[in-house]
Amino acid sequence: MFDDDGPLFQDTEDEQYTMELPPGDEAVEPTDPVTLDFVPAFQVLPVLSEAQLAYMLLIMRTATHAVENNRVPLNVCLILDQSSSMKGDKLFAVKSAARHVVDQLTVSDYFSLISFNDRPTTVVSCQRVSSRESIKSLIDGIEGRGGTEIAQGLFAGIQEMRSATTMTALNYILLLTDGQTYGDADRCVQLGEEAARHKIVIYPMGIGTDWNEDLLETVAAKSGGASEYIQAPDQIVRIFMQKINQLRGTLAHHSSLQFSPVPGAKLRQIHRVSPAISELEVLPYPQAGPDAAEVNLGPLGRGSEYSYLIEAILPPCPAGTYRIANLGISFNIAGTPASQPVIQLPIGFSFAASHRPGQINPEVKQIIEKVAAYKLQARAWQDIAAGDVAGGTRRLAAVSTRLLSMGEVDLAAAVMDEVTNLEQRGTASSQGKKRIKYGTRGLTQDLV
């Protein structure tokens, strides 16, 4: 059994696990838009009289080509914080980034811009990018003043860009803020769900240290996006440009996973592993059975590889090989009118009555360790927020130990700095918390 707080594995030296790949597999361009690989943590599981937890790695690769060669227009809305705290270098860099975005878009793309403080302002209404200079002059007029209410900006942005959502499938919000939102966090989460219903993906970005990373990540996850931590104003332009290039390379504007288990089996948790670690929300999928689940995987880029760590509860099974679940991937290719056929992948495991603990697949083991560190720091912050500072501090100390064992010396030191802060002052720094959260999220980037 695996445990986020205790030893993860018991390996033996006399049994090796190797994953066989077809000759030249890494160099082969997929002929289908999406292909799947499934790697179990262990080749053989023990026969038990009770349910057991199993880990598996799902690897999804996308083709570089699209079904349709016609370029699909983007519908991009920038929602930018213009509160008083943004004055100076931050607002200057944000406006420069917005102008660069306009330069990267074509006359077939749609662009809108909402600025917000304690109320929203429609700076650029949703329109094709046919007059760059007039749009840039409107951007130049944004000034810093007022407080911060993110929900106001989100609502206005969703409403503004909806006029073009019938014209393209590539609908994205880039939201940037530097502050805490006041009294509207629940509304922000609801707006993330509303964006998903309109097939709009939200990518929130926080600049500096005084913003709520948990809220922004939740909003992003509801729509299929991901949040980003920007440490300094001089990074804003580069990150915005990278994001636009990423959106331009979209293959499928929506994708989802369906997990249909046999009786007694259940999807417990799923984490996206690459390009960065994030927990994905598991939703009921009743049309496929009482324990079936669906997960929004978000957009898929061309020529990309995505990995997911799946934790599943398996029912007691006698010796033999059994199908535990059917896994389906559905996706919508940008520029095509209909969904692609669902890719089906049967998930099976082998069980042996006298099986000794075998050696875990080294690739899956490494990923489980990194995801466990990410999960453990998240639980630590939850403990601290609930008032259990001592318990959260102990978890963070365990995170530091695990990071050291991975060779992540600098990140381990940052965690211990916050352990010291908690022991001496009873509180952690906002900057340290963000560095730990986004640092552990990025632990798998070297595996991509």
Protein backbone atom coordinates (compact mmCIF):
# COMPACT_ATOMS: atom_id res chain seq x y z
CA MET A 1 0.00 0.00 0.00
CA PHE A 2 1.24 3.48 -0.80
CA ASP A 3 1.03 6.31 1.69
CA ASP A 4 1.75 9.99 1.17
CA ASP A 5 3.21 10.23 4.69
CA GLY A 6 5.13 6.95 4.94
CA PRO A 7 7.44 4.75 2.88
CA LEU A 8 6.28 4.57 -0.69
CA PHE A 9 7.87 1.38 -1.94
CA GLN A 10 9.41 -1.93 -1.01
CA ASP A 11 11.60 -3.09 -3.86
CA THR A 12 13.53 -6.32 -4.24
CA GLU A 13 16.82 -6.67 -6.06
CA ASP A 14 16.05 -10.00 -7.75
CA GLU A 15 13.17 -8.94 -9.97
CA GLN A 16 13.47 -6.35 -12.70
CA TYR A 17 10.69 -4.47 -14.49
CA THR A 18 11.39 -3.13 -17.95
CA MET A 19 9.02 -1.42 -20.35
CA GLU A 20 9.47 -2.70 -23.89
CA LEU A 21 8.95 -0.11 -26.64
CA PRO A 22 8.67 -0.94 -30.33
CA PRO A 23 11.91 -0.37 -32.27
CA GLY A 24 12.26 3.30 -33.12
CA ASP A 25 9.12 4.19 -31.17
CA GLU A 26 10.42 7.53 -29.97
CA ALA A 27 11.03 8.77 -33.51
CA VAL A 28 7.72 7.65 -35.00
CA GLU A 29 5.18 10.33 -35.77
CA PRO A 30 1.71 9.15 -34.64
CA THR A 31 -0.60 8.57 -37.60
CA ASP A 32 -3.68 9.05 -35.42
CA PRO A 33 -4.40 12.43 -33.80
CA VAL A 34 -4.03 10.92 -30.32
CA THR A 35 -2.29 7.70 -29.21
CA LEU A 36 -2.19 6.13 -25.73
CA ASP A 37 0.24 4.05 -23.70
CA PHE A 38 -0.49 2.43 -20.34
CA VAL A 39 2.30 1.57 -17.86
CA PRO A 40 1.35 -0.18 -14.58
CA ALA A 41 3.54 0.42 -11.54
CA PHE A 42 3.89 -3.34 -11.01
CA GLN A 43 3.62 -6.15 -13.54
CA VAL A 44 1.97 -8.47 -11.03
CA LEU A 45 -0.09 -7.66 -7.93
CA PRO A 46 -0.62 -9.92 -4.91
CA VAL A 47 -3.88 -11.74 -4.29
CA LEU A 48 -5.50 -10.08 -1.27
CA SER A 49 -8.75 -10.61 0.58
CA GLU A 50 -9.35 -6.86 0.58
CA ALA A 51 -9.29 -4.04 -1.94
CA GLN A 52 -5.90 -2.62 -2.85
CA LEU A 53 -4.58 0.58 -4.38
CA ALA A 54 -2.84 0.42 -7.75
CA TYR A 55 -0.89 3.08 -9.64
CA MET A 56 -0.62 3.36 -13.39
CA LEU A 57 0.85 5.88 -15.81
CA LEU A 58 -1.20 6.98 -18.82
CA ILE A 59 0.86 8.57 -21.60
CA MET A 60 -0.97 10.44 -24.34
CA ARG A 61 0.82 11.65 -27.47
CA THR A 62 -0.62 13.97 -30.09
CA ALA A 63 0.23 14.26 -33.76
CA THR A 64 1.88 17.32 -35.24
CA HIS A 65 -0.61 17.40 -38.08
CA ALA A 66 -4.24 18.44 -37.86
CA VAL A 67 -7.19 16.77 -39.55
CA GLU A 68 -8.00 20.08 -41.21
CA ASN A 69 -5.20 22.22 -42.64
CA ASN A 70 -7.21 25.43 -42.43
CA ARG A 71 -6.02 27.65 -39.62
CA VAL A 72 -8.54 28.03 -36.79
CA PRO A 73 -8.87 31.59 -35.42
CA LEU A 74 -8.18 32.37 -31.79
CA ASN A 75 -10.63 34.15 -29.51
CA VAL A 76 -8.49 35.66 -26.75
CA CYS A 77 -9.66 37.84 -23.88
CA LEU A 78 -7.13 39.47 -21.57
CA ILE A 79 -8.50 40.22 -18.09
CA LEU A 80 -5.98 42.49 -16.38
CA ASP A 81 -5.77 43.80 -12.84
CA GLN A 82 -5.58 47.61 -12.82
CA SER A 83 -5.80 48.11 -9.04
CA SER A 84 -3.60 50.64 -7.26
CA SER A 85 -1.06 47.97 -6.34
CA MET A 86 -0.34 47.40 -10.04
CA LYS A 87 1.00 50.94 -10.55
CA GLY A 88 4.55 51.25 -11.81
CA ASP A 89 6.62 48.44 -13.34
CA LYS A 90 3.87 45.82 -13.14
CA LEU A 91 1.25 47.79 -15.03
CA PHE A 92 3.83 49.02 -17.56
CA ALA A 93 4.88 45.41 -18.25
CA VAL A 94 1.28 44.19 -18.46
CA LYS A 95 0.35 46.83 -21.02
CA SER A 96 3.49 46.01 -23.01
CA ALA A 97 2.52 42.31 -22.94
CA ALA A 98 -1.00 43.14 -24.13
CA ARG A 99 0.42 45.12 -27.06
CA HIS A 100 2.67 42.18 -27.95
CA VAL A 101 -0.35 39.87 -27.89
CA VAL A 102 -2.12 42.14 -30.37
CA ASP A 103 0.94 41.99 -32.64
CA GLN A 104 0.92 38.18 -32.55
CA LEU A 105 -2.74 37.90 -33.56
CA THR A 106 -3.95 38.01 -37.17
CA VAL A 107 -6.91 39.72 -38.77
CA SER A 108 -8.89 36.48 -38.52
CA ASP A 109 -8.45 36.28 -34.73
CA TYR A 110 -10.72 37.83 -32.11
CA PHE A 111 -9.44 39.97 -29.26
CA SER A 112 -10.98 41.65 -26.22
CA LEU A 113 -9.56 43.21 -23.09
CA ILE A 114 -11.18 43.80 -19.71
CA SER A 115 -9.40 45.72 -16.96
CA PHE A 116 -10.67 45.49 -13.41
CA ASN A 117 -10.22 46.92 -9.96
CA ASP A 118 -13.36 46.92 -7.82
CA ARG A 119 -15.36 47.18 -11.06
CA PRO A 120 -14.70 46.04 -14.64
CA THR A 121 -13.94 48.22 -17.64
CA THR A 122 -14.30 47.03 -21.23
CA VAL A 123 -11.12 48.49 -22.69
CA VAL A 124 -11.37 46.63 -26.02
CA SER A 125 -14.67 45.09 -27.07
CA CYS A 126 -14.56 41.70 -28.78
CA GLN A 127 -13.45 42.29 -32.37
CA ARG A 128 -11.26 41.00 -35.15
CA VAL A 129 -7.72 42.33 -35.01
CA SER A 130 -8.02 44.59 -38.03
CA SER A 131 -6.77 47.86 -36.50
CA ARG A 132 -3.77 47.13 -34.30
CA GLU A 133 -2.79 50.71 -33.58
CA SER A 134 -6.25 51.76 -32.41
CA ILE A 135 -6.39 48.73 -30.10
CA LYS A 136 -2.94 49.54 -28.71
CA SER A 137 -3.96 53.13 -28.01
CA LEU A 138 -6.87 51.84 -25.92
CA ILE A 139 -4.48 49.59 -24.01
CA ASP A 140 -2.16 52.54 -23.33
CA GLY A 141 -5.02 54.32 -21.56
CA ILE A 142 -5.24 51.80 -18.69
CA GLU A 143 -4.33 53.40 -15.34
CA GLY A 144 -3.86 51.88 -11.90
CA ARG A 145 -6.45 52.72 -9.27
CA GLY A 146 -8.94 51.11 -6.88
CA GLY A 147 -9.17 47.71 -5.19
CA THR A 148 -9.30 44.12 -6.47
CA GLU A 149 -12.42 42.10 -7.28
CA ILE A 150 -11.53 39.33 -9.69
CA ALA A 151 -15.08 38.04 -10.16
CA GLN A 152 -16.14 41.37 -11.65
CA GLY A 153 -13.45 41.11 -14.31
CA LEU A 154 -14.08 37.41 -14.98
CA PHE A 155 -17.80 37.88 -15.47
CA ALA A 156 -17.30 40.82 -17.83
CA GLY A 157 -14.66 38.93 -19.81
CA ILE A 158 -16.78 35.82 -20.28
CA GLN A 159 -19.73 37.89 -21.42
CA GLU A 160 -17.62 39.99 -23.79
CA MET A 161 -15.94 37.12 -25.61
CA ARG A 162 -19.08 35.00 -25.95
CA SER A 163 -20.03 36.89 -29.09
CA ALA A 164 -17.18 35.10 -30.90
CA THR A 165 -17.45 31.65 -29.31
CA THR A 166 -19.76 30.57 -32.14
CA MET A 167 -17.09 31.58 -34.67
CA THR A 168 -14.22 29.47 -33.32
CA ALA A 169 -13.53 26.62 -30.91
CA LEU A 170 -10.31 28.18 -29.55
CA ASN A 171 -11.61 30.42 -26.74
CA TYR A 172 -9.16 31.47 -24.02
CA ILE A 173 -8.94 33.90 -21.13
CA LEU A 174 -5.56 35.10 -19.86
CA LEU A 175 -6.13 36.62 -16.43
CA LEU A 176 -3.43 38.45 -14.49
CA THR A 177 -3.63 39.82 -10.94
CA ASP A 178 -1.26 40.84 -8.17
CA GLY A 179 -3.67 40.89 -5.22
CA GLN A 180 -6.19 39.11 -3.07
CA THR A 181 -9.77 39.34 -4.23
CA TYR A 182 -12.24 40.51 -1.60
CA GLY A 183 -15.46 38.66 -0.79
CA ASP A 184 -15.99 37.02 -4.16
CA ALA A 185 -13.86 33.85 -4.10
CA ASP A 186 -16.88 31.53 -4.36
CA ARG A 187 -18.19 33.56 -7.28
CA CYS A 188 -14.81 33.21 -9.03
CA VAL A 189 -15.05 29.42 -8.79
CA GLN A 190 -18.61 29.52 -10.16
CA LEU A 191 -17.38 31.61 -13.08
CA GLY A 192 -14.68 29.02 -13.78
CA GLU A 193 -17.48 26.46 -14.11
CA GLU A 194 -19.50 28.83 -16.30
CA ALA A 195 -16.51 29.35 -18.58
CA ALA A 196 -16.22 25.57 -19.00
CA ARG A 197 -19.88 25.37 -20.04
CA HIS A 198 -19.14 27.88 -22.80
CA LYS A 199 -15.96 25.98 -23.83
CA ILE A 200 -13.75 28.80 -22.58
CA VAL A 201 -10.44 27.88 -20.93
CA ILE A 202 -9.01 30.18 -18.24
CA TYR A 203 -5.27 30.60 -17.63
CA PRO A 204 -4.83 32.72 -14.48
CA MET A 205 -1.45 34.27 -13.66
CA GLY A 206 -0.32 35.80 -10.39
CA ILE A 207 2.45 38.39 -10.19
CA GLY A 208 4.36 38.99 -6.96
CA THR A 209 3.40 37.40 -3.64
CA ASP A 210 0.09 38.91 -2.48
CA TRP A 211 -2.43 36.78 -4.41
CA ASN A 212 -4.36 33.60 -3.67
CA GLU A 213 -2.69 30.76 -5.55
CA ASP A 214 -5.22 28.18 -4.32
CA LEU A 215 -8.13 30.21 -5.71
CA LEU A 216 -6.50 30.82 -9.08
CA GLU A 217 -5.60 27.14 -9.45
CA THR A 218 -9.17 26.10 -8.62
CA VAL A 219 -10.64 28.52 -11.16
CA ALA A 220 -8.20 27.26 -13.79
CA ALA A 221 -8.95 23.60 -13.06
CA LYS A 222 -12.70 24.13 -13.41
CA SER A 223 -12.22 25.26 -17.01
CA GLY A 224 -9.39 22.92 -18.02
CA GLY A 225 -6.58 25.47 -17.66
CA ALA A 226 -3.67 25.91 -15.24
CA SER A 227 -2.38 28.79 -13.14
CA GLU A 228 1.09 30.31 -13.38
CA TYR A 229 3.36 32.10 -10.92
CA ILE A 230 5.16 35.17 -12.30
CA GLN A 231 7.87 36.30 -9.91
CA ALA A 232 8.85 39.63 -11.47
CA PRO A 233 7.43 42.18 -13.96
CA ASP A 234 10.22 41.55 -16.47
CA GLN A 235 8.86 38.01 -16.98
CA ILE A 236 5.34 39.07 -18.00
CA VAL A 237 5.92 39.75 -21.71
CA ARG A 238 7.80 36.48 -22.24
CA ILE A 239 5.16 34.39 -20.44
CA PHE A 240 2.30 36.01 -22.38
CA MET A 241 4.11 35.34 -25.66
CA GLN A 242 4.75 31.72 -24.72
CA LYS A 243 1.09 31.29 -23.84
CA ILE A 244 -0.13 32.71 -27.16
CA ASN A 245 2.26 30.40 -29.04
CA GLN A 246 0.91 27.48 -27.01
CA LEU A 247 -2.69 28.39 -27.81
CA ARG A 248 -1.85 28.79 -31.49
CA GLY A 249 -0.60 25.19 -31.50
CA THR A 250 -3.85 23.69 -30.19
CA LEU A 251 -4.83 20.37 -31.79
CA ALA A 252 -7.94 19.63 -29.72
CA HIS A 253 -9.80 22.41 -27.95
CA HIS A 254 -11.35 19.96 -25.48
CA SER A 255 -10.52 16.51 -24.22
CA SER A 256 -11.79 14.31 -21.41
CA LEU A 257 -11.12 10.94 -19.84
CA GLN A 258 -13.85 8.45 -18.98
CA PHE A 259 -13.08 5.68 -16.48
CA SER A 260 -15.64 2.84 -16.49
CA PRO A 261 -14.69 0.23 -13.86
CA VAL A 262 -15.93 -3.24 -13.09
CA PRO A 263 -17.94 -3.61 -9.83
CA GLY A 264 -15.70 -2.96 -6.81
CA ALA A 265 -13.13 -0.92 -8.73
CA LYS A 266 -12.99 2.88 -8.57
CA LEU A 267 -10.91 5.81 -9.79
CA ARG A 268 -9.48 7.35 -6.62
CA GLN A 269 -7.40 10.21 -7.95
CA ILE A 270 -5.68 11.45 -11.09
CA HIS A 271 -2.85 13.93 -11.47
CA ARG A 272 -1.56 15.48 -14.65
CA VAL A 273 2.19 14.87 -14.53
CA SER A 274 3.43 16.68 -17.60
CA PRO A 275 3.93 19.43 -18.48
CA ALA A 276 3.48 20.12 -14.72
CA ILE A 277 1.85 18.40 -11.76
CA SER A 278 -1.74 19.29 -10.98
CA GLU A 279 -4.63 17.38 -9.46
CA LEU A 280 -7.56 16.95 -11.83
CA GLU A 281 -11.16 16.95 -10.64
CA VAL A 282 -12.90 13.57 -10.79
CA LEU A 283 -16.60 13.92 -11.63
CA PRO A 284 -19.35 11.28 -11.68
CA TYR A 285 -20.13 9.73 -15.07
CA PRO A 286 -23.41 7.92 -14.29
CA GLN A 287 -24.27 6.98 -17.87
CA ALA A 288 -21.41 4.45 -17.76
CA GLY A 289 -22.16 2.98 -14.32
CA PRO A 290 -22.48 3.92 -10.65
CA ASP A 291 -18.71 4.18 -10.06
CA ALA A 292 -17.77 5.54 -13.48
CA ALA A 293 -15.93 8.85 -13.55
CA GLU A 294 -15.06 11.60 -16.01
CA VAL A 295 -12.11 14.01 -15.94
CA ASN A 296 -11.68 17.22 -17.95
CA LEU A 297 -8.18 17.07 -19.48
CA GLY A 298 -8.40 20.48 -21.14
CA PRO A 299 -6.95 21.45 -24.54
CA LEU A 300 -4.29 19.35 -26.29
CA GLY A 301 -1.42 20.86 -28.23
CA ARG A 302 0.03 19.49 -31.49
CA GLY A 303 3.10 17.28 -31.25
CA SER A 304 2.88 17.08 -27.46
CA GLU A 305 3.11 14.41 -24.79
CA TYR A 306 0.90 14.41 -21.72
CA SER A 307 1.31 12.03 -18.79
CA TYR A 308 -1.22 11.25 -16.06
CA LEU A 309 -0.73 9.32 -12.83
CA ILE A 310 -3.86 7.34 -12.08
CA GLU A 311 -4.66 5.89 -8.64
CA ALA A 312 -7.35 3.22 -8.73
CA ILE A 313 -8.89 1.02 -6.07
CA LEU A 314 -9.00 -2.60 -7.22
CA PRO A 315 -11.40 -5.21 -5.82
CA PRO A 316 -10.15 -8.53 -4.38
CA CYS A 317 -9.24 -10.81 -7.27
CA PRO A 318 -8.10 -14.45 -7.44
CA ALA A 319 -4.96 -15.42 -9.31
CA GLY A 320 -5.12 -14.58 -12.99
CA THR A 321 -5.36 -11.60 -15.32
CA TYR A 322 -8.49 -9.47 -15.27
CA ARG A 323 -9.89 -6.39 -16.93
CA ILE A 324 -10.46 -3.80 -14.22
CA ALA A 325 -11.80 -0.90 -16.26
CA ASN A 326 -12.31 0.56 -19.69
CA LEU A 327 -10.60 3.88 -20.19
CA GLY A 328 -11.87 6.23 -22.88
CA ILE A 329 -10.42 9.46 -24.24
CA SER A 330 -12.75 11.80 -26.12
CA PHE A 331 -11.56 14.96 -27.85
CA ASN A 332 -12.63 17.63 -30.31
CA ILE A 333 -10.17 18.53 -33.07
CA ALA A 334 -10.10 22.29 -33.59
CA GLY A 335 -11.67 23.22 -36.93
CA THR A 336 -13.76 20.07 -37.29
CA PRO A 337 -17.52 20.09 -36.71
CA ALA A 338 -17.84 16.85 -34.73
CA SER A 339 -16.13 14.96 -31.93
CA GLN A 340 -13.60 12.31 -32.87
CA PRO A 341 -14.39 8.67 -32.07
CA VAL A 342 -13.63 7.86 -28.44
CA ILE A 343 -10.30 6.06 -28.04
CA GLN A 344 -10.85 2.98 -25.88
CA LEU A 345 -8.11 1.40 -23.79
CA PRO A 346 -8.89 -1.65 -21.64
CA ILE A 347 -7.07 -1.60 -18.29
CA GLY A 348 -6.09 -5.00 -16.89
CA PHE A 349 -3.94 -6.34 -14.05
CA SER A 350 -2.38 -9.70 -13.26
CA PHE A 351 -2.64 -11.21 -9.77
CA ALA A 352 -0.56 -14.02 -8.23
CA ALA A 353 -1.32 -15.89 -4.98
CA SER A 354 2.33 -16.47 -4.01
CA HIS A 355 3.71 -13.31 -5.51
CA ARG A 356 6.61 -11.67 -3.70
CA PRO A 357 6.84 -7.87 -3.82
CA GLY A 358 8.42 -7.04 -7.15
CA GLN A 359 10.44 -4.09 -8.29
CA ILE A 360 8.37 -1.15 -9.36
CA ASN A 361 8.73 0.28 -12.84
CA PRO A 362 11.45 2.93 -12.32
CA GLU A 363 9.71 5.57 -14.45
CA VAL A 364 6.44 5.23 -12.56
CA LYS A 365 8.25 5.12 -9.22
CA GLN A 366 10.00 8.42 -9.94
CA ILE A 367 6.73 10.05 -10.90
CA ILE A 368 4.88 8.74 -7.84
CA GLU A 369 7.60 10.16 -5.57
CA LYS A 370 7.36 13.59 -7.17
CA VAL A 371 3.56 13.64 -7.09
CA ALA A 372 3.66 12.50 -3.45
CA ALA A 373 5.86 15.48 -2.56
CA TYR A 374 3.42 17.83 -4.29
CA LYS A 375 0.43 16.25 -2.50
CA LEU A 376 2.17 16.35 0.86
CA GLN A 377 2.94 20.07 0.66
CA ALA A 378 -0.69 20.72 -0.34
CA ARG A 379 -1.90 18.81 2.72
CA ALA A 380 0.55 20.75 4.89
CA TRP A 381 -0.93 24.08 3.81
CA GLN A 382 -4.44 22.71 4.37
CA ASP A 383 -3.47 21.70 7.93
CA ILE A 384 -2.00 25.13 8.62
CA ALA A 385 -5.07 26.92 7.22
CA ALA A 386 -7.26 24.76 9.48
CA GLY A 387 -5.24 25.78 12.55
CA ASP A 388 -3.02 22.70 12.88
CA VAL A 389 0.27 24.56 12.51
CA ALA A 390 2.29 21.84 14.24
CA GLY A 391 0.89 19.11 11.96
CA GLY A 392 1.43 21.19 8.84
CA THR A 393 4.99 21.99 9.92
CA ARG A 394 5.77 18.29 10.35
CA ARG A 395 4.44 17.57 6.87
CA LEU A 396 6.59 20.32 5.37
CA ALA A 397 9.66 18.91 7.11
CA ALA A 398 8.84 15.55 5.51
CA VAL A 399 8.54 17.30 2.12
CA SER A 400 12.03 18.75 2.58
CA THR A 401 13.43 15.30 3.36
CA ARG A 402 11.84 13.85 0.22
CA LEU A 403 13.11 16.69 -1.94
CA LEU A 404 16.65 16.15 -0.66
CA SER A 405 16.42 12.48 -1.60
CA MET A 406 15.48 13.58 -5.14
CA GLY A 407 18.44 15.94 -5.35
CA GLU A 408 16.25 19.06 -5.19
CA VAL A 409 18.58 20.86 -2.79
CA ASP A 410 17.46 24.45 -3.38
CA LEU A 411 13.75 23.65 -3.13
CA ALA A 412 14.35 21.55 -0.01
CA ALA A 413 16.14 24.53 1.57
CA ALA A 414 13.21 26.81 0.69
CA VAL A 415 10.85 24.38 2.43
CA MET A 416 13.04 24.32 5.55
CA ASP A 417 13.05 28.13 5.61
CA GLU A 418 9.26 28.02 5.92
CA VAL A 419 9.48 25.27 8.56
CA THR A 420 11.68 27.65 10.57
CA ASN A 421 9.23 30.52 10.05
CA LEU A 422 6.38 28.35 11.28
CA GLU A 423 8.29 27.11 14.32
CA GLN A 424 9.45 30.58 15.32
CA ARG A 425 6.56 32.83 14.27
CA GLY A 426 3.66 30.46 13.67
CA THR A 427 3.23 31.65 10.08
CA ALA A 428 4.81 31.10 6.68
CA SER A 429 5.74 33.74 4.15
CA SER A 430 3.49 34.23 1.12
CA GLN A 431 6.49 34.13 -1.19
CA GLY A 432 7.76 30.91 0.36
CA LYS A 433 4.40 29.20 0.05
CA LYS A 434 4.20 30.06 -3.65
CA ARG A 435 7.75 28.92 -4.31
CA ILE A 436 7.02 25.57 -2.64
CA LYS A 437 3.67 25.05 -4.39
CA TYR A 438 4.89 25.91 -7.89
CA GLY A 439 8.32 24.39 -7.26
CA THR A 440 6.84 20.98 -6.44
CA ARG A 441 4.42 21.36 -9.37
CA GLY A 442 7.44 21.64 -11.65
CA LEU A 443 9.27 18.57 -10.33
CA THR A 444 8.32 16.53 -13.40
CA GLN A 445 9.39 19.08 -16.00
CA ASP A 446 12.72 17.27 -16.44
CA LEU A 447 10.75 14.16 -17.42
CA VAL A 448 8.94 15.82 -20.33
